[in-house]
Amino acid sequence: MIELDRVLWPISKLINDAYEQAFPNLPMFPKFSLTRSITTLWITKTYNKLKDVVPGALGELLYEGHQELMETLKQQVRT
């Protein structure tokens, strides 16, 4: 992400400069960055829709993985 911000910095600078010229009396913090914009979009469009589903699904995956590991260990002890 740091590298992406560095590569896209000229675009962010143009947007920040244009904002400063258009709205000189308004606060300039935090400055615009494409990484922040992408993150905000991901949170609003993806994460917020999945945040209630992910913990349950993750718990199920961990439980299944634990069950498989326990079964493997039991088989190793038997042999």
C-alpha atoms as a PDB file:
ATOM      1  CA  MET A   1       0.000   0.000   0.000  1.00  0.00           C
ATOM      2  CA  ILE A   2       2.867   2.341   0.731  1.00  0.00           C
ATOM      3  CA  GLU A   3       4.317   1.688  -2.715  1.00  0.00           C
ATOM      4  CA  LEU A   4       0.893   2.254  -4.299  1.00  0.00           C
ATOM      5  CA  ASP A   5       0.589   5.575  -2.489  1.00  0.00           C
ATOM      6  CA  ARG A   6       4.078   6.552  -3.669  1.00  0.00           C
ATOM      7  CA  VAL A   7       3.310   5.700  -7.299  1.00  0.00           C
ATOM      8  CA  LEU A   8      -0.067   7.464  -7.261  1.00  0.00           C
ATOM      9  CA  TRP A   9       1.201  10.460  -5.282  1.00  0.00           C
ATOM     10  CA  PRO A  10       1.150  12.851  -8.308  1.00  0.00           C
ATOM     11  CA  ILE A  11      -2.597  12.281  -8.754  1.00  0.00           C
ATOM     12  CA  SER A  12      -3.252  12.823  -5.064  1.00  0.00           C
ATOM     13  CA  LYS A  13      -1.143  15.998  -5.135  1.00  0.00           C
ATOM     14  CA  LEU A  14      -3.163  17.379  -8.063  1.00  0.00           C
ATOM     15  CA  ILE A  15      -6.427  16.705  -6.214  1.00  0.00           C
ATOM     16  CA  ASN A  16      -5.120  18.243  -2.975  1.00  0.00           C
ATOM     17  CA  ASP A  17      -3.778  21.319  -4.787  1.00  0.00           C
ATOM     18  CA  ALA A  18      -7.081  21.804  -6.624  1.00  0.00           C
ATOM     19  CA  TYR A  19      -8.993  21.471  -3.334  1.00  0.00           C
ATOM     20  CA  GLU A  20      -6.738  24.019  -1.619  1.00  0.00           C
ATOM     21  CA  GLN A  21      -7.289  26.504  -4.451  1.00  0.00           C
ATOM     22  CA  ALA A  22     -11.046  25.942  -4.606  1.00  0.00           C
ATOM     23  CA  PHE A  23     -11.590  26.002  -0.823  1.00  0.00           C
ATOM     24  CA  PRO A  24      -8.759  28.013   0.744  1.00  0.00           C
ATOM     25  CA  ASN A  25     -10.572  28.650   4.042  1.00  0.00           C
ATOM     26  CA  LEU A  26     -11.592  25.051   4.743  1.00  0.00           C
ATOM     27  CA  PRO A  27      -9.523  22.517   6.703  1.00  0.00           C
ATOM     28  CA  MET A  28      -7.088  20.487   4.638  1.00  0.00           C
ATOM     29  CA  PHE A  29      -6.780  17.501   6.974  1.00  0.00           C
ATOM     30  CA  PRO A  30      -6.614  14.672   6.270  1.00  0.00           C
ATOM     31  CA  LYS A  31      -5.297  15.181   2.799  1.00  0.00           C
ATOM     32  CA  PHE A  32      -6.727  13.105  -0.026  1.00  0.00           C
ATOM     33  CA  SER A  33      -4.974   9.878  -0.950  1.00  0.00           C
ATOM     34  CA  LEU A  34      -6.046   7.186  -3.374  1.00  0.00           C
ATOM     35  CA  THR A  35      -5.181   4.484  -0.856  1.00  0.00           C
ATOM     36  CA  ARG A  36      -7.514   6.048   1.721  1.00  0.00           C
ATOM     37  CA  SER A  37     -10.221   6.342  -0.936  1.00  0.00           C
ATOM     38  CA  ILE A  38      -9.841   2.703  -1.983  1.00  0.00           C
ATOM     39  CA  THR A  39      -9.937   1.610   1.658  1.00  0.00           C
ATOM     40  CA  THR A  40     -13.061   3.682   2.328  1.00  0.00           C
ATOM     41  CA  LEU A  41     -14.778   2.192  -0.721  1.00  0.00           C
ATOM     42  CA  TRP A  42     -13.805  -1.342   0.327  1.00  0.00           C
ATOM     43  CA  ILE A  43     -15.180  -0.790   3.829  1.00  0.00           C
ATOM     44  CA  THR A  44     -18.492   0.648   2.619  1.00  0.00           C
ATOM     45  CA  LYS A  45     -19.069  -1.667  -0.347  1.00  0.00           C
ATOM     46  CA  THR A  46     -17.587  -4.952   0.881  1.00  0.00           C
ATOM     47  CA  TYR A  47     -16.752  -5.125   4.577  1.00  0.00           C
ATOM     48  CA  ASN A  48     -19.993  -3.592   5.859  1.00  0.00           C
ATOM     49  CA  LYS A  49     -21.994  -6.157   3.874  1.00  0.00           C
ATOM     50  CA  LEU A  50     -19.955  -9.088   5.195  1.00  0.00           C
ATOM     51  CA  LYS A  51     -19.076  -8.048   8.747  1.00  0.00           C
ATOM     52  CA  ASP A  52     -21.974  -9.990  10.273  1.00  0.00           C
ATOM     53  CA  VAL A  53     -21.286 -13.131   8.215  1.00  0.00           C
ATOM     54  CA  VAL A  54     -17.490 -13.347   8.436  1.00  0.00           C
ATOM     55  CA  PRO A  55     -17.088 -14.085  12.176  1.00  0.00           C
ATOM     56  CA  GLY A  56     -19.522 -17.019  12.016  1.00  0.00           C
ATOM     57  CA  ALA A  57     -17.972 -18.403   8.845  1.00  0.00           C
ATOM     58  CA  LEU A  58     -14.479 -17.994  10.277  1.00  0.00           C
ATOM     59  CA  GLY A  59     -15.541 -19.759  13.462  1.00  0.00           C
ATOM     60  CA  GLU A  60     -16.925 -22.659  11.430  1.00  0.00           C
ATOM     61  CA  LEU A  61     -13.710 -22.932   9.411  1.00  0.00           C
ATOM     62  CA  LEU A  62     -11.588 -22.924  12.558  1.00  0.00           C
ATOM     63  CA  TYR A  63     -13.814 -25.541  14.169  1.00  0.00           C
ATOM     64  CA  GLU A  64     -13.639 -27.797  11.085  1.00  0.00           C
ATOM     65  CA  GLY A  65      -9.859 -27.368  10.917  1.00  0.00           C
ATOM     66  CA  HIS A  66      -9.575 -28.228  14.593  1.00  0.00           C
ATOM     67  CA  GLN A  67     -11.730 -31.335  14.133  1.00  0.00           C
ATOM     68  CA  GLU A  68      -9.597 -32.492  11.186  1.00  0.00           C
ATOM     69  CA  LEU A  69      -6.392 -31.905  13.144  1.00  0.00           C
ATOM     70  CA  MET A  70      -7.727 -33.848  16.129  1.00  0.00           C
ATOM     71  CA  GLU A  71      -8.724 -36.746  13.872  1.00  0.00           C
ATOM     72  CA  THR A  72      -5.274 -36.783  12.266  1.00  0.00           C
ATOM     73  CA  LEU A  73      -3.595 -36.790  15.671  1.00  0.00           C
ATOM     74  CA  LYS A  74      -5.837 -39.632  16.867  1.00  0.00           C
ATOM     75  CA  GLN A  75      -4.910 -41.689  13.796  1.00  0.00           C
ATOM     76  CA  GLN A  76      -1.204 -41.040  14.368  1.00  0.00           C
ATOM     77  CA  VAL A  77      -1.491 -42.162  17.996  1.00  0.00           C
ATOM     78  CA  ARG A  78      -3.266 -45.380  16.927  1.00  0.00           C
ATOM     79  CA  THR A  79      -0.479 -46.359  14.507  1.00  0.00           C
END
